[in-house]
């Protein structure tokens, strides 16, 4: 049985990674806010906000799943 090939393409660009890292940093400092103005405490929500900001900036990020 042949070995499975791994793809070497990147899913997310460097700009997307920077946006997510920035959102995580803001969450840890307590300055990241959600759309309603509440403080974000969830790691997953911070990542989602970072990716959303990256999309708005035009970074290489896959389309959001419906």
Protein backbone atom coordinates (compact mmCIF):
# COMPACT_ATOMS: atom_id res chain seq x y z
CA UNK A 1 0.00 0.00 0.00
CA UNK A 2 1.55 3.35 -1.04
CA UNK A 3 2.19 5.99 1.57
CA UNK A 4 -0.30 8.85 1.73
CA UNK A 5 1.01 12.12 0.28
CA UNK A 6 0.74 15.18 2.48
CA UNK A 7 -0.05 18.46 0.78
CA UNK A 8 2.38 21.27 1.38
CA UNK A 9 0.02 24.14 0.59
CA UNK A 10 -0.85 26.60 3.30
CA UNK A 11 -4.49 26.99 4.28
CA UNK A 12 -4.00 30.35 5.95
CA UNK A 13 -1.61 33.16 5.01
CA UNK A 14 0.90 34.83 7.33
CA UNK A 15 -1.37 37.86 7.71
CA UNK A 16 -4.14 35.63 9.04
CA UNK A 17 -1.79 34.17 11.64
CA UNK A 18 -0.79 37.64 12.78
CA UNK A 19 -4.44 38.70 13.14
CA UNK A 20 -5.26 35.63 15.21
CA UNK A 21 -2.17 36.13 17.39
CA UNK A 22 -3.19 39.75 17.95
CA UNK A 23 -6.74 38.73 18.90
CA UNK A 24 -5.40 36.13 21.35
CA UNK A 25 -3.11 38.71 22.93
CA UNK A 26 -6.03 41.14 23.30
CA UNK A 27 -8.15 38.39 24.87
CA UNK A 28 -5.44 37.63 27.44
CA UNK A 29 -5.20 41.33 28.32
CA UNK A 30 -8.99 41.54 28.58
CA UNK A 31 -9.43 44.14 25.84
CA UNK A 32 -10.99 41.90 23.15
CA UNK A 33 -14.72 42.55 22.82
CA UNK A 34 -17.41 40.71 20.87
CA UNK A 35 -20.02 42.37 18.65
CA UNK A 36 -22.35 42.98 21.58
CA UNK A 37 -19.58 44.65 23.57
CA UNK A 38 -19.06 41.83 26.05
CA UNK A 39 -15.61 40.68 27.06
CA UNK A 40 -14.38 37.61 25.18
CA UNK A 41 -13.22 34.76 27.41
CA UNK A 42 -13.40 31.85 24.97
CA UNK A 43 -10.27 30.82 23.06
CA UNK A 44 -12.36 29.63 20.09
CA UNK A 45 -14.23 32.93 19.92
CA UNK A 46 -10.94 34.87 19.96
CA UNK A 47 -9.65 32.79 17.02
CA UNK A 48 -12.90 33.36 15.11
CA UNK A 49 -12.66 37.12 15.66
CA UNK A 50 -9.02 37.12 14.50
CA UNK A 51 -9.90 35.23 11.30
CA UNK A 52 -12.82 37.56 10.66
CA UNK A 53 -10.53 40.59 10.98
CA UNK A 54 -8.05 38.93 8.62
CA UNK A 55 -10.81 38.38 6.03
CA UNK A 56 -11.72 42.07 6.20
CA UNK A 57 -8.07 43.01 5.62
CA UNK A 58 -7.94 40.71 2.57
CA UNK A 59 -5.55 38.07 3.98
CA UNK A 60 -5.51 34.51 2.64
CA UNK A 61 -8.23 32.85 4.70
CA UNK A 62 -10.70 30.18 3.51
CA UNK A 63 -14.36 31.22 3.21
CA UNK A 64 -16.43 30.98 6.37
CA UNK A 65 -18.51 27.78 6.61
CA UNK A 66 -22.22 28.41 6.66
